[in-house]
PDB file of N, CA and C in Angstrom:
ATOM      1  N   MET A   1      74.708  67.930  40.136  1.00  0.00           N
ATOM      2  CA  MET A   1      74.429  69.428  39.613  1.00  0.00           C
ATOM      3  C   MET A   1      75.194  70.128  40.232  1.00  0.00           C
ATOM      4  N   ILE A   2      76.179  70.923  39.813  1.00  0.00           N
ATOM      5  CA  ILE A   2      77.174  71.993  40.352  1.00  0.00           C
ATOM      6  C   ILE A   2      76.147  73.306  40.692  1.00  0.00           C
ATOM      7  N   ARG A   3      76.110  74.417  41.217  1.00  0.00           N
ATOM      8  CA  ARG A   3      75.209  75.216  41.120  1.00  0.00           C
ATOM      9  C   ARG A   3      76.475  76.466  41.500  1.00  0.00           C
ATOM     10  N   LYS A   4      75.794  77.827  40.651  1.00  0.00           N
ATOM     11  CA  LYS A   4      76.749  78.622  41.212  1.00  0.00           C
ATOM     12  C   LYS A   4      76.448  79.438  42.496  1.00  0.00           C
ATOM     13  N   PRO A   5      77.675  80.025  43.216  1.00  0.00           N
ATOM     14  CA  PRO A   5      77.379  80.003  44.603  1.00  0.00           C
ATOM     15  C   PRO A   5      76.724  81.402  44.552  1.00  0.00           C
ATOM     16  N   VAL A   6      75.772  81.677  45.299  1.00  0.00           N
ATOM     17  CA  VAL A   6      74.841  82.926  45.428  1.00  0.00           C
ATOM     18  C   VAL A   6      75.274  83.585  46.804  1.00  0.00           C
ATOM     19  N   PHE A   7      75.541  84.812  47.014  1.00  0.00           N
ATOM     20  CA  PHE A   7      76.350  85.617  48.322  1.00  0.00           C
ATOM     21  C   PHE A   7      75.161  86.386  48.744  1.00  0.00           C
ATOM     22  N   LEU A   8      74.867  85.920  50.211  1.00  0.00           N
ATOM     23  CA  LEU A   8      73.668  86.369  50.513  1.00  0.00           C
ATOM     24  C   LEU A   8      74.061  87.470  51.738  1.00  0.00           C
ATOM     25  N   HIS A   9      73.343  88.485  51.260  1.00  0.00           N
ATOM     26  CA  HIS A   9      73.498  89.971  51.962  1.00  0.00           C
ATOM     27  C   HIS A   9      72.395  89.882  53.101  1.00  0.00           C
ATOM     28  N   THR A  10      70.794  89.154  52.713  1.00  0.00           N
ATOM     29  CA  THR A  10      70.271  89.711  53.994  1.00  0.00           C
ATOM     30  C   THR A  10      69.017  88.535  53.647  1.00  0.00           C
ATOM     31  N   LEU A  11      68.463  88.218  54.908  1.00  0.00           N
ATOM     32  CA  LEU A  11      67.256  87.234  54.841  1.00  0.00           C
ATOM     33  C   LEU A  11      66.370  87.015  53.625  1.00  0.00           C
ATOM     34  N   GLU A  12      66.092  88.047  52.974  1.00  0.00           N
ATOM     35  CA  GLU A  12      65.325  88.343  52.247  1.00  0.00           C
ATOM     36  C   GLU A  12      65.721  87.489  51.174  1.00  0.00           C
ATOM     37  N   ILE A  13      66.710  87.479  50.772  1.00  0.00           N
ATOM     38  CA  ILE A  13      67.573  86.931  49.281  1.00  0.00           C
ATOM     39  C   ILE A  13      67.443  85.635  49.936  1.00  0.00           C
ATOM     40  N   LEU A  14      67.768  84.754  50.632  1.00  0.00           N
ATOM     41  CA  LEU A  14      67.618  83.574  51.240  1.00  0.00           C
ATOM     42  C   LEU A  14      66.312  83.165  51.264  1.00  0.00           C
ATOM     43  N   GLY A  15      65.533  83.984  51.442  1.00  0.00           N
ATOM     44  CA  GLY A  15      63.870  83.315  51.372  1.00  0.00           C
ATOM     45  C   GLY A  15      63.589  83.121  49.996  1.00  0.00           C
ATOM     46  N   LYS A  16      63.821  84.032  48.950  1.00  0.00           N
ATOM     47  CA  LYS A  16      63.542  83.941  47.503  1.00  0.00           C
ATOM     48  C   LYS A  16      64.049  82.462  46.972  1.00  0.00           C
ATOM     49  N   ILE A  17      65.653  82.420  47.422  1.00  0.00           N
ATOM     50  CA  ILE A  17      66.251  80.856  47.268  1.00  0.00           C
ATOM     51  C   ILE A  17      65.347  79.995  47.175  1.00  0.00           C
ATOM     52  N   ILE A  18      64.983  79.621  48.939  1.00  0.00           N
ATOM     53  CA  ILE A  18      64.263  78.739  49.256  1.00  0.00           C
ATOM     54  C   ILE A  18      62.689  78.522  48.789  1.00  0.00           C
ATOM     55  N   ALA A  19      62.388  79.358  48.635  1.00  0.00           N
ATOM     56  CA  ALA A  19      61.007  79.734  47.877  1.00  0.00           C
ATOM     57  C   ALA A  19      61.094  79.331  46.320  1.00  0.00           C
ATOM     58  N   THR A  20      62.227  79.570  45.563  1.00  0.00           N
ATOM     59  CA  THR A  20      62.311  79.168  43.983  1.00  0.00           C
ATOM     60  C   THR A  20      62.204  77.705  44.174  1.00  0.00           C
ATOM     61  N   GLU A  21      63.293  77.501  44.921  1.00  0.00           N
ATOM     62  CA  GLU A  21      63.645  75.786  45.156  1.00  0.00           C
ATOM     63  C   GLU A  21      62.367  74.969  45.152  1.00  0.00           C
ATOM     64  N   ARG A  22      61.879  75.306  46.414  1.00  0.00           N
ATOM     65  CA  ARG A  22      60.335  74.627  46.982  1.00  0.00           C
ATOM     66  C   ARG A  22      59.621  74.446  45.877  1.00  0.00           C
ATOM     67  N   ALA A  23      59.488  75.887  44.769  1.00  0.00           N
ATOM     68  CA  ALA A  23      58.534  75.738  43.648  1.00  0.00           C
ATOM     69  C   ALA A  23      58.808  74.696  42.632  1.00  0.00           C
ATOM     70  N   ARG A  24      60.004  74.931  42.714  1.00  0.00           N
ATOM     71  CA  ARG A  24      60.813  74.157  41.707  1.00  0.00           C
ATOM     72  C   ARG A  24      60.525  72.538  41.608  1.00  0.00           C
ATOM     73  N   ILE A  25      60.758  71.895  42.465  1.00  0.00           N
ATOM     74  CA  ILE A  25      60.688  70.668  42.950  1.00  0.00           C
ATOM     75  C   ILE A  25      59.293  69.975  42.630  1.00  0.00           C
ATOM     76  N   PRO A  26      58.070  70.173  42.583  1.00  0.00           N
ATOM     77  CA  PRO A  26      57.521  71.161  43.350  1.00  0.00           C
ATOM     78  C   PRO A  26      57.193  70.773  44.960  1.00  0.00           C
ATOM     79  N   LEU A  27      57.156  71.425  46.002  1.00  0.00           N
ATOM     80  CA  LEU A  27      56.544  71.198  47.240  1.00  0.00           C
ATOM     81  C   LEU A  27      55.486  72.434  47.885  1.00  0.00           C
ATOM     82  N   THR A  28      54.450  72.167  48.530  1.00  0.00           N
ATOM     83  CA  THR A  28      53.573  73.063  49.250  1.00  0.00           C
ATOM     84  C   THR A  28      55.026  73.419  50.267  1.00  0.00           C
ATOM     85  N   GLN A  29      54.465  74.703  50.998  1.00  0.00           N
ATOM     86  CA  GLN A  29      54.962  74.794  52.142  1.00  0.00           C
ATOM     87  C   GLN A  29      54.980  73.991  53.391  1.00  0.00           C
ATOM     88  N   GLN A  30      53.563  73.321  53.238  1.00  0.00           N
ATOM     89  CA  GLN A  30      53.265  72.440  54.327  1.00  0.00           C
ATOM     90  C   GLN A  30      54.306  71.360  54.391  1.00  0.00           C
ATOM     91  N   GLU A  31      54.311  70.804  53.334  1.00  0.00           N
ATOM     92  CA  GLU A  31      54.960  69.528  52.398  1.00  0.00           C
ATOM     93  C   GLU A  31      56.336  69.275  52.865  1.00  0.00           C
ATOM     94  N   LEU A  32      57.214  71.019  52.643  1.00  0.00           N
ATOM     95  CA  LEU A  32      58.459  71.273  52.826  1.00  0.00           C
ATOM     96  C   LEU A  32      58.696  71.098  54.319  1.00  0.00           C
ATOM     97  N   ALA A  33      57.628  71.735  55.085  1.00  0.00           N
ATOM     98  CA  ALA A  33      57.710  71.959  56.728  1.00  0.00           C
ATOM     99  C   ALA A  33      57.674  70.350  57.277  1.00  0.00           C
ATOM    100  N   ASP A  34      56.788  69.244  56.599  1.00  0.00           N
ATOM    101  CA  ASP A  34      56.852  68.073  57.640  1.00  0.00           C
ATOM    102  C   ASP A  34      58.282  67.402  57.070  1.00  0.00           C
ATOM    103  N   LEU A  35      58.946  67.644  56.094  1.00  0.00           N
ATOM    104  CA  LEU A  35      59.942  67.311  55.686  1.00  0.00           C
ATOM    105  C   LEU A  35      61.223  67.565  56.083  1.00  0.00           C
ATOM    106  N   ALA A  36      60.868  68.817  56.657  1.00  0.00           N
ATOM    107  CA  ALA A  36      62.172  69.307  57.739  1.00  0.00           C
ATOM    108  C   ALA A  36      61.605  69.278  59.113  1.00  0.00           C
ATOM    109  N   GLU A  37      60.781  68.537  59.381  1.00  0.00           N
ATOM    110  CA  GLU A  37      60.294  68.789  60.574  1.00  0.00           C
ATOM    111  C   GLU A  37      60.189  69.868  61.044  1.00  0.00           C
ATOM    112  N   VAL A  38      59.458  71.250  60.992  1.00  0.00           N
ATOM    113  CA  VAL A  38      59.546  72.466  61.148  1.00  0.00           C
ATOM    114  C   VAL A  38      57.888  72.911  61.187  1.00  0.00           C
ATOM    115  N   SER A  39      57.426  73.658  61.513  1.00  0.00           N
ATOM    116  CA  SER A  39      56.213  74.497  61.239  1.00  0.00           C
ATOM    117  C   SER A  39      56.016  74.950  59.898  1.00  0.00           C
ATOM    118  N   ARG A  40      54.768  75.123  59.217  1.00  0.00           N
ATOM    119  CA  ARG A  40      54.771  75.465  58.097  1.00  0.00           C
ATOM    120  C   ARG A  40      54.996  77.106  58.323  1.00  0.00           C
ATOM    121  N   THR A  41      54.449  77.795  59.574  1.00  0.00           N
ATOM    122  CA  THR A  41      54.622  79.111  59.647  1.00  0.00           C
ATOM    123  C   THR A  41      55.978  79.316  59.633  1.00  0.00           C
ATOM    124  N   SER A  42      56.787  78.495  60.097  1.00  0.00           N
ATOM    125  CA  SER A  42      58.668  78.710  60.024  1.00  0.00           C
ATOM    126  C   SER A  42      58.853  79.144  58.651  1.00  0.00           C
ATOM    127  N   VAL A  43      58.386  77.818  57.137  1.00  0.00           N
ATOM    128  CA  VAL A  43      58.728  77.495  56.197  1.00  0.00           C
ATOM    129  C   VAL A  43      57.960  79.507  55.637  1.00  0.00           C
ATOM    130  N   GLN A  44      56.974  79.408  56.090  1.00  0.00           N
ATOM    131  CA  GLN A  44      56.508  80.927  55.334  1.00  0.00           C
ATOM    132  C   GLN A  44      57.291  82.137  55.688  1.00  0.00           C
ATOM    133  N   ARG A  45      57.609  82.230  57.385  1.00  0.00           N
ATOM    134  CA  ARG A  45      58.269  83.431  57.629  1.00  0.00           C
ATOM    135  C   ARG A  45      59.806  83.527  56.958  1.00  0.00           C
ATOM    136  N   LEU A  46      60.469  82.376  57.030  1.00  0.00           N
ATOM    137  CA  LEU A  46      61.828  82.360  56.383  1.00  0.00           C
ATOM    138  C   LEU A  46      61.458  83.012  54.362  1.00  0.00           C
ATOM    139  N   GLU A  47      60.291  82.075  53.681  1.00  0.00           N
ATOM    140  CA  GLU A  47      60.382  82.764  52.773  1.00  0.00           C
ATOM    141  C   GLU A  47      60.110  84.226  52.400  1.00  0.00           C
ATOM    142  N   GLU A  48      59.847  84.968  53.511  1.00  0.00           N
ATOM    143  CA  GLU A  48      59.203  86.150  53.367  1.00  0.00           C
ATOM    144  C   GLU A  48      60.321  87.008  53.703  1.00  0.00           C
ATOM    145  N   GLY A  49      61.438  86.214  54.474  1.00  0.00           N
ATOM    146  CA  GLY A  49      62.749  86.858  54.985  1.00  0.00           C
ATOM    147  C   GLY A  49      63.015  87.415  55.992  1.00  0.00           C
ATOM    148  N   LYS A  50      62.251  86.836  57.038  1.00  0.00           N
ATOM    149  CA  LYS A  50      61.988  87.223  58.303  1.00  0.00           C
ATOM    150  C   LYS A  50      63.101  86.112  59.137  1.00  0.00           C
ATOM    151  N   GLU A  51      63.192  86.623  60.144  1.00  0.00           N
ATOM    152  CA  GLU A  51      64.316  85.851  61.199  1.00  0.00           C
ATOM    153  C   GLU A  51      63.674  84.443  61.085  1.00  0.00           C
ATOM    154  N   ALA A  52      64.801  83.113  61.223  1.00  0.00           N
ATOM    155  CA  ALA A  52      64.819  82.177  61.375  1.00  0.00           C
ATOM    156  C   ALA A  52      65.658  81.540  62.495  1.00  0.00           C
ATOM    157  N   THR A  53      65.492  80.442  63.201  1.00  0.00           N
ATOM    158  CA  THR A  53      66.491  80.054  63.918  1.00  0.00           C
ATOM    159  C   THR A  53      67.775  79.393  62.935  1.00  0.00           C
ATOM    160  N   PHE A  54      68.909  79.078  63.431  1.00  0.00           N
ATOM    161  CA  PHE A  54      69.798  78.642  62.570  1.00  0.00           C
ATOM    162  C   PHE A  54      69.571  77.166  62.444  1.00  0.00           C
ATOM    163  N   SER A  55      68.922  76.211  63.260  1.00  0.00           N
ATOM    164  CA  SER A  55      68.285  75.175  63.246  1.00  0.00           C
ATOM    165  C   SER A  55      67.182  74.833  62.260  1.00  0.00           C
ATOM    166  N   THR A  56      66.313  75.647  62.132  1.00  0.00           N
ATOM    167  CA  THR A  56      64.976  76.051  61.395  1.00  0.00           C
ATOM    168  C   THR A  56      65.724  76.327  59.984  1.00  0.00           C
ATOM    169  N   ILE A  57      66.753  76.656  59.823  1.00  0.00           N
ATOM    170  CA  ILE A  57      67.353  77.163  58.109  1.00  0.00           C
ATOM    171  C   ILE A  57      67.929  75.909  57.840  1.00  0.00           C
ATOM    172  N   VAL A  58      68.972  75.511  58.644  1.00  0.00           N
ATOM    173  CA  VAL A  58      69.657  73.974  58.217  1.00  0.00           C
ATOM    174  C   VAL A  58      68.574  72.968  57.923  1.00  0.00           C
ATOM    175  N   LYS A  59      67.750  73.023  58.974  1.00  0.00           N
ATOM    176  CA  LYS A  59      67.140  71.390  58.264  1.00  0.00           C
ATOM    177  C   LYS A  59      66.000  71.762  56.736  1.00  0.00           C
ATOM    178  N   ILE A  60      65.643  73.186  56.817  1.00  0.00           N
ATOM    179  CA  ILE A  60      65.190  73.352  55.575  1.00  0.00           C
ATOM    180  C   ILE A  60      66.020  73.188  54.444  1.00  0.00           C
ATOM    181  N   LEU A  61      67.184  73.890  54.095  1.00  0.00           N
ATOM    182  CA  LEU A  61      68.182  73.604  53.489  1.00  0.00           C
ATOM    183  C   LEU A  61      68.534  71.919  53.172  1.00  0.00           C
ATOM    184  N   ARG A  62      68.581  71.531  53.830  1.00  0.00           N
ATOM    185  CA  ARG A  62      68.920  69.936  53.921  1.00  0.00           C
ATOM    186  C   ARG A  62      67.775  69.443  52.927  1.00  0.00           C
ATOM    187  N   VAL A  63      66.545  69.705  53.610  1.00  0.00           N
ATOM    188  CA  VAL A  63      65.322  69.126  52.355  1.00  0.00           C
ATOM    189  C   VAL A  63      65.400  69.317  50.989  1.00  0.00           C
ATOM    190  N   LEU A  64      65.788  70.700  50.811  1.00  0.00           N
ATOM    191  CA  LEU A  64      66.102  71.201  49.320  1.00  0.00           C
ATOM    192  C   LEU A  64      67.345  71.051  48.642  1.00  0.00           C
ATOM    193  N   ASN A  65      68.149  70.231  49.440  1.00  0.00           N
ATOM    194  CA  ASN A  65      69.497  69.923  49.006  1.00  0.00           C
ATOM    195  C   ASN A  65      70.035  71.030  48.575  1.00  0.00           C
ATOM    196  N   LEU A  66      70.004  72.196  49.300  1.00  0.00           N
ATOM    197  CA  LEU A  66      71.177  73.750  49.105  1.00  0.00           C
ATOM    198  C   LEU A  66      72.098  73.353  49.942  1.00  0.00           C
ATOM    199  N   MET A  67      73.087  73.866  49.738  1.00  0.00           N
ATOM    200  CA  MET A  67      74.325  74.146  50.702  1.00  0.00           C
ATOM    201  C   MET A  67      74.581  75.518  51.274  1.00  0.00           C
ATOM    202  N   LEU A  68      74.640  75.817  52.390  1.00  0.00           N
ATOM    203  CA  LEU A  68      74.973  76.928  52.685  1.00  0.00           C
ATOM    204  C   LEU A  68      76.554  77.147  53.250  1.00  0.00           C
ATOM    205  N   ILE A  69      77.581  78.210  52.759  1.00  0.00           N
ATOM    206  CA  ILE A  69      78.382  78.303  53.721  1.00  0.00           C
ATOM    207  C   ILE A  69      78.605  79.732  53.826  1.00  0.00           C
ATOM    208  N   ILE A  70      79.149  79.621  55.466  1.00  0.00           N
ATOM    209  CA  ILE A  70      78.938  80.970  55.799  1.00  0.00           C
ATOM    210  C   ILE A  70      80.369  81.556  55.842  1.00  0.00           C
ATOM    211  N   ASP A  71      80.781  82.641  55.743  1.00  0.00           N
ATOM    212  CA  ASP A  71      82.168  83.424  55.366  1.00  0.00           C
ATOM    213  C   ASP A  71      82.150  84.876  56.235  1.00  0.00           C
ATOM    214  N   THR A  72      82.577  84.613  57.075  1.00  0.00           N
ATOM    215  CA  THR A  72      82.257  86.224  57.855  1.00  0.00           C
ATOM    216  C   THR A  72      83.532  87.193  57.502  1.00  0.00           C
ATOM    217  N   TYR A  73      84.354  86.676  56.660  1.00  0.00           N
ATOM    218  CA  TYR A  73      85.434  87.770  55.610  1.00  0.00           C
ATOM    219  C   TYR A  73      84.820  88.471  55.236  1.00  0.00           C
ATOM    220  N   GLN A  74      85.390  90.223  55.489  1.00  0.00           N
ATOM    221  CA  GLN A  74      84.653  91.175  54.703  1.00  0.00           C
ATOM    222  C   GLN A  74      86.078  92.106  54.152  1.00  0.00           C
ATOM    223  N   LYS A  75      86.038  92.783  52.964  1.00  0.00           N
ATOM    224  CA  LYS A  75      87.346  93.270  52.649  1.00  0.00           C
ATOM    225  C   LYS A  75      87.486  94.709  53.369  1.00  0.00           C
ATOM    226  N   GLU A  76      88.586  95.251  53.923  1.00  0.00           N
ATOM    227  CA  GLU A  76      88.554  96.752  54.314  1.00  0.00           C
ATOM    228  C   GLU A  76      87.261  97.799  53.596  1.00  0.00           C
ATOM    229  N   GLU A  77      87.038  97.678  52.611  1.00  0.00           N
ATOM    230  CA  GLU A  77      86.407  98.784  51.748  1.00  0.00           C
ATOM    231  C   GLU A  77      84.880  98.324  52.306  1.00  0.00           C
ATOM    232  N   GLN A  78      84.324  96.989  52.063  1.00  0.00           N
ATOM    233  CA  GLN A  78      83.165  96.545  52.487  1.00  0.00           C
ATOM    234  C   GLN A  78      83.038  96.806  53.970  1.00  0.00           C
ATOM    235  N   ILE A  79      84.362  96.614  55.105  1.00  0.00           N
ATOM    236  CA  ILE A  79      83.462  97.691  56.292  1.00  0.00           C
ATOM    237  C   ILE A  79      83.339  98.570  56.263  1.00  0.00           C
ATOM    238  N   GLU A  80      84.267  99.246  55.611  1.00  0.00           N
ATOM    239  CA  GLU A  80      83.965 100.910  55.175  1.00  0.00           C
ATOM    240  C   GLU A  80      82.651 101.598  55.097  1.00  0.00           C
ATOM    241  N   ASN A  81      82.159 100.654  53.995  1.00  0.00           N
ATOM    242  CA  ASN A  81      80.762 101.186  53.416  1.00  0.00           C
ATOM    243  C   ASN A  81      80.301 100.663  54.028  1.00  0.00           C
ATOM    244  N   ASP A  82      80.206  99.431  55.040  1.00  0.00           N
ATOM    245  CA  ASP A  82      79.241  99.450  56.213  1.00  0.00           C
ATOM    246  C   ASP A  82      78.891 100.314  57.067  1.00  0.00           C
ATOM    247  N   ARG A  83      79.689 101.161  57.487  1.00  0.00           N
ATOM    248  CA  ARG A  83      79.827 101.875  58.658  1.00  0.00           C
ATOM    249  C   ARG A  83      78.748 103.260  58.338  1.00  0.00           C
TER     250      ARG A  83
END
């Protein structure tokens, strides 16, 4: 299934996507943590939009079969708005 890309501007958005996909499968936070070989606390914190290591994010996304594309390009007006 091809999914529409979602542009992430905050960790909160990533956390909501992960929580939604985990519930859809369905998996508990502990089951996801076990499959991703991370702690349940790491899953919980990420779903709450709190910081996580890049490796933790990648492990969780792999289990959920989600793709993350990192694009650091910003249009000039976006840069001005961010200042």
